[in-house]
N, C-alpha and C. Protein backbone atom coordinates (compact mmCIF):
# COMPACT_ATOMS: atom_id res chain seq x y z
N MET A 1 -2.59 -12.41 60.69
CA MET A 1 -2.67 -13.61 59.37
C MET A 1 -2.54 -14.82 60.93
N ALA A 2 -1.58 -14.44 61.84
CA ALA A 2 -1.39 -15.94 62.68
C ALA A 2 -2.97 -16.30 63.75
N LEU A 3 -3.76 -15.70 63.74
CA LEU A 3 -5.00 -15.57 64.51
C LEU A 3 -5.70 -16.85 63.13
N VAL A 4 -5.34 -16.74 61.91
CA VAL A 4 -6.44 -17.13 61.12
C VAL A 4 -5.90 -18.72 61.17
N GLU A 5 -4.34 -18.52 60.69
CA GLU A 5 -3.80 -19.40 60.68
C GLU A 5 -3.79 -20.44 61.88
N GLN A 6 -3.81 -20.19 62.76
CA GLN A 6 -4.74 -21.16 63.81
C GLN A 6 -6.16 -21.70 63.81
N VAL A 7 -6.64 -21.28 63.22
CA VAL A 7 -8.66 -21.44 63.09
C VAL A 7 -9.05 -21.71 61.96
N ARG A 8 -7.75 -21.97 60.79
CA ARG A 8 -8.12 -21.88 59.79
C ARG A 8 -8.64 -23.79 59.19
N ASP A 9 -8.39 -24.36 60.27
CA ASP A 9 -9.18 -25.85 59.88
C ASP A 9 -10.87 -26.04 60.18
N VAL A 10 -11.09 -24.51 60.55
CA VAL A 10 -12.51 -24.89 60.76
C VAL A 10 -13.69 -23.71 59.72
N PHE A 11 -12.88 -23.56 59.43
CA PHE A 11 -13.26 -22.14 57.79
C PHE A 11 -12.85 -23.06 56.64
N SER A 12 -14.05 -23.49 56.08
CA SER A 12 -14.29 -23.75 54.77
C SER A 12 -13.50 -22.49 53.41
N GLY A 13 -12.65 -22.74 52.76
CA GLY A 13 -12.14 -21.86 51.27
C GLY A 13 -10.69 -21.44 52.17
N LEU A 14 -10.30 -21.94 53.26
CA LEU A 14 -8.50 -21.66 54.09
C LEU A 14 -7.97 -22.78 53.56
N GLU A 15 -7.98 -23.70 52.64
CA GLU A 15 -7.34 -24.64 53.21
C GLU A 15 -5.95 -24.58 52.56
N THR A 16 -5.96 -23.66 51.19
CA THR A 16 -4.75 -23.77 50.63
C THR A 16 -3.65 -22.26 50.75
N ALA A 17 -2.90 -22.37 50.70
CA ALA A 17 -1.71 -21.12 50.74
C ALA A 17 -2.36 -20.00 49.79
N GLU A 18 -2.82 -20.41 48.87
CA GLU A 18 -3.94 -18.79 47.42
C GLU A 18 -4.66 -18.90 47.94
N ALA A 19 -5.83 -19.35 48.97
CA ALA A 19 -6.55 -18.89 50.01
C ALA A 19 -6.37 -17.87 50.93
N MET A 20 -5.25 -18.50 51.71
CA MET A 20 -5.40 -17.63 53.08
C MET A 20 -4.41 -16.34 52.69
N GLU A 21 -3.74 -16.52 51.11
CA GLU A 21 -3.14 -14.95 50.41
C GLU A 21 -4.59 -14.14 49.95
N GLU A 22 -5.56 -14.96 49.87
CA GLU A 22 -6.91 -14.21 49.11
C GLU A 22 -7.29 -13.33 50.32
N HIS A 23 -7.40 -14.46 51.42
CA HIS A 23 -7.93 -13.81 52.82
C HIS A 23 -7.21 -12.30 53.09
N ARG A 24 -6.14 -12.61 52.90
CA ARG A 24 -5.05 -11.63 53.52
C ARG A 24 -5.22 -10.01 53.26
N ALA A 25 -5.19 -10.41 51.37
CA ALA A 25 -6.18 -9.27 50.81
C ALA A 25 -7.67 -8.61 51.43
N THR A 26 -8.56 -9.51 51.95
CA THR A 26 -9.38 -9.11 52.31
C THR A 26 -9.60 -8.83 53.67
N VAL A 27 -8.61 -9.48 54.37
CA VAL A 27 -8.75 -8.57 55.55
C VAL A 27 -8.09 -7.28 54.98
N LEU A 28 -7.08 -6.95 54.72
CA LEU A 28 -6.28 -5.71 54.33
C LEU A 28 -7.26 -4.86 53.86
N ARG A 29 -8.45 -5.46 52.87
CA ARG A 29 -9.35 -4.38 51.82
C ARG A 29 -10.43 -3.79 53.59
N PHE A 30 -11.13 -4.55 54.18
CA PHE A 30 -11.35 -4.53 54.25
C PHE A 30 -10.92 -3.28 56.35
N MET A 31 -9.89 -3.86 56.41
CA MET A 31 -9.04 -2.82 57.39
C MET A 31 -9.52 -0.85 56.57
N GLU A 32 -9.06 -1.59 55.18
CA GLU A 32 -9.22 0.21 54.84
C GLU A 32 -10.25 0.93 54.43
N ASN A 33 -11.58 -0.49 54.66
CA ASN A 33 -12.76 0.78 54.79
C ASN A 33 -13.02 1.15 56.26
N SER A 34 -12.13 0.49 57.31
CA SER A 34 -12.40 0.44 58.43
C SER A 34 -13.86 -0.35 58.81
N SER A 35 -13.82 -1.51 58.40
CA SER A 35 -14.79 -2.75 58.41
C SER A 35 -13.95 -3.54 58.86
N ALA A 36 -12.94 -3.48 59.90
CA ALA A 36 -12.55 -4.80 60.24
C ALA A 36 -12.03 -4.43 61.85
N VAL A 37 -12.73 -5.31 62.64
CA VAL A 37 -12.09 -4.59 64.04
C VAL A 37 -11.16 -5.61 64.26
N CYS A 38 -10.34 -5.80 65.50
CA CYS A 38 -9.48 -7.05 66.56
C CYS A 38 -9.20 -6.45 68.11
N ALA A 39 -9.35 -7.95 68.63
CA ALA A 39 -9.21 -7.98 70.19
C ALA A 39 -8.12 -8.33 70.19
N ALA A 40 -6.94 -7.36 70.99
CA ALA A 40 -5.85 -7.47 71.75
C ALA A 40 -5.61 -8.19 73.25
N GLU A 41 -5.12 -9.11 73.63
CA GLU A 41 -5.08 -10.01 74.72
C GLU A 41 -3.62 -9.88 74.96
N ALA A 42 -2.80 -8.47 75.94
CA ALA A 42 -0.82 -8.94 75.98
C ALA A 42 -0.64 -8.55 74.95
N ASP A 43 0.27 -9.61 74.50
CA ASP A 43 0.73 -9.82 72.90
C ASP A 43 0.35 -10.41 71.99
N ARG A 44 -1.16 -10.78 71.84
CA ARG A 44 -1.45 -11.86 71.07
C ARG A 44 -2.94 -11.16 70.18
N MET A 45 -3.29 -11.47 69.21
CA MET A 45 -4.94 -11.37 68.94
C MET A 45 -5.22 -12.23 69.10
N ALA A 46 -6.11 -11.52 69.89
CA ALA A 46 -7.46 -12.25 70.61
C ALA A 46 -8.51 -12.75 69.79
N GLY A 47 -8.63 -12.04 68.94
CA GLY A 47 -10.44 -12.16 68.26
C GLY A 47 -10.30 -10.92 66.98
N ILE A 48 -10.93 -11.04 65.62
CA ILE A 48 -10.89 -10.71 64.47
C ILE A 48 -12.22 -10.67 64.13
N LEU A 49 -12.93 -9.68 63.88
CA LEU A 49 -13.97 -9.66 62.98
C LEU A 49 -14.34 -8.65 61.97
N LEU A 50 -14.99 -9.34 60.71
CA LEU A 50 -14.84 -8.27 59.08
C LEU A 50 -16.38 -7.87 59.10
N PHE A 51 -17.36 -6.82 58.77
CA PHE A 51 -17.83 -6.54 58.76
C PHE A 51 -17.96 -5.31 57.33
N SER A 52 -19.65 -5.77 56.91
CA SER A 52 -20.02 -4.94 55.91
C SER A 52 -21.53 -3.74 56.12
N LYS A 53 -21.35 -2.96 56.04
CA LYS A 53 -21.67 -1.72 56.34
C LYS A 53 -23.33 -2.08 55.71
N GLU A 54 -22.89 -2.18 54.00
CA GLU A 54 -24.02 -2.45 53.22
C GLU A 54 -23.28 -4.11 53.04
N PRO A 55 -24.50 -4.55 52.75
CA PRO A 55 -25.87 -4.72 52.84
C PRO A 55 -26.23 -5.18 54.94
N GLY A 56 -25.13 -5.07 55.46
CA GLY A 56 -25.27 -5.06 56.50
C GLY A 56 -25.02 -6.85 57.11
N GLU A 57 -23.54 -6.58 56.83
CA GLU A 57 -23.39 -8.72 57.15
C GLU A 57 -21.73 -8.71 57.88
N LEU A 58 -22.07 -9.71 59.07
CA LEU A 58 -20.93 -10.08 59.34
C LEU A 58 -20.44 -11.41 57.95
N CYS A 59 -19.11 -10.90 57.97
CA CYS A 59 -18.04 -11.42 57.02
C CYS A 59 -17.38 -12.76 57.94
N PHE A 60 -16.94 -12.38 58.43
CA PHE A 60 -16.03 -13.32 59.51
C PHE A 60 -15.55 -13.36 60.94
N LEU A 61 -15.62 -14.02 61.84
CA LEU A 61 -15.44 -13.85 62.81
C LEU A 61 -14.81 -15.29 63.18
N ALA A 62 -13.46 -14.91 64.46
CA ALA A 62 -12.80 -15.79 64.99
C ALA A 62 -12.10 -15.34 66.31
N VAL A 63 -11.91 -16.20 66.41
CA VAL A 63 -11.48 -15.93 67.99
C VAL A 63 -10.63 -16.99 68.65
N ASP A 64 -8.94 -16.70 69.13
CA ASP A 64 -8.32 -17.58 69.02
C ASP A 64 -8.79 -18.67 70.27
N PRO A 65 -8.67 -19.74 70.44
CA PRO A 65 -8.73 -20.68 71.04
C PRO A 65 -8.15 -20.80 72.89
N ALA A 66 -7.36 -20.13 73.23
CA ALA A 66 -6.88 -19.83 74.17
C ALA A 66 -7.91 -18.46 74.72
N CYS A 67 -8.78 -17.56 73.55
CA CYS A 67 -9.26 -16.68 74.63
C CYS A 67 -11.03 -17.28 74.69
N ARG A 68 -11.59 -18.28 74.49
CA ARG A 68 -12.69 -18.66 74.26
C ARG A 68 -12.99 -18.83 75.60
N ARG A 69 -14.32 -18.35 75.67
CA ARG A 69 -15.15 -18.24 76.16
C ARG A 69 -14.49 -17.10 77.19
N GLN A 70 -14.49 -16.41 76.88
CA GLN A 70 -13.71 -14.59 78.17
C GLN A 70 -14.95 -13.56 77.22
N HIS A 71 -15.82 -14.09 76.46
CA HIS A 71 -16.63 -13.00 75.52
C HIS A 71 -15.70 -12.36 74.83
N VAL A 72 -14.91 -12.31 74.11
CA VAL A 72 -13.90 -11.52 73.12
C VAL A 72 -15.14 -11.82 72.08
N ALA A 73 -15.65 -12.69 71.51
CA ALA A 73 -16.78 -12.85 70.21
C ALA A 73 -17.71 -12.16 70.76
N GLN A 74 -18.46 -11.64 72.19
CA GLN A 74 -19.39 -10.98 72.23
C GLN A 74 -19.11 -8.88 71.62
N LYS A 75 -17.85 -9.46 72.46
CA LYS A 75 -17.26 -7.95 72.88
C LYS A 75 -17.12 -7.47 71.31
N LEU A 76 -16.67 -7.92 70.14
CA LEU A 76 -16.65 -7.70 68.90
C LEU A 76 -18.09 -7.48 67.97
N VAL A 77 -18.62 -8.31 68.35
CA VAL A 77 -19.97 -8.27 67.52
C VAL A 77 -20.68 -6.67 68.42
N SER A 78 -20.50 -6.71 69.54
CA SER A 78 -21.46 -5.46 69.96
C SER A 78 -20.53 -3.99 69.83
N PHE A 79 -19.43 -4.17 68.93
CA PHE A 79 -18.51 -3.04 68.62
C PHE A 79 -19.07 -2.61 67.23
N MET A 80 -19.17 -4.25 66.73
CA MET A 80 -19.55 -3.65 65.11
C MET A 80 -21.16 -3.56 65.04
N LEU A 81 -21.49 -3.41 66.00
CA LEU A 81 -23.33 -3.44 66.14
C LEU A 81 -23.42 -1.36 66.41
N THR A 82 -22.18 -1.25 66.67
CA THR A 82 -22.40 0.47 66.94
C THR A 82 -21.92 1.05 66.20
N GLN A 83 -21.10 0.10 65.08
CA GLN A 83 -21.09 0.89 63.80
C GLN A 83 -22.14 0.70 62.09
N MET A 84 -22.93 0.42 63.21
CA MET A 84 -24.59 -0.37 61.82
C MET A 84 -25.50 0.80 61.97
N GLU A 85 -26.13 0.75 60.83
CA GLU A 85 -27.54 2.01 60.72
C GLU A 85 -28.34 1.28 61.86
N GLU A 86 -28.72 2.25 63.00
CA GLU A 86 -29.62 1.77 64.06
C GLU A 86 -31.13 1.17 63.88
N GLY A 87 -31.18 0.16 63.83
CA GLY A 87 -32.64 -0.36 63.49
C GLY A 87 -32.40 -1.54 62.27
N LYS A 88 -31.74 -1.32 61.47
CA LYS A 88 -31.02 -2.21 60.63
C LYS A 88 -30.96 -3.40 60.30
N ASP A 89 -31.32 -4.72 60.36
CA ASP A 89 -31.52 -5.82 60.22
C ASP A 89 -30.02 -6.01 59.93
N PHE A 90 -29.01 -7.16 60.20
CA PHE A 90 -28.17 -7.79 59.32
C PHE A 90 -27.89 -9.14 59.06
N GLN A 91 -27.23 -9.68 58.86
CA GLN A 91 -26.96 -10.93 58.36
C GLN A 91 -25.32 -11.86 58.73
N VAL A 92 -25.39 -12.83 58.63
CA VAL A 92 -24.18 -13.64 58.83
C VAL A 92 -23.80 -13.99 58.40
């Protein structure tokens, strides 16, 4: 959640402690459903992506500002696409 704390100002709806706690619960739920992907660099989280196979949706994507322009998001999305039904559209 440290990464989300870093970038929360660019996501509407994450302004309060209560909203952050709800987001934490959401992340855990996505992890339980194998619908959370993270990218790690050394000892830090470089990026996180949450997705839903049904209805085919990219739900959340964040990259550590220090790791931007290093193709972190591209790699996360590419992995997500391997988990989706081939040929099926998805929404962001």
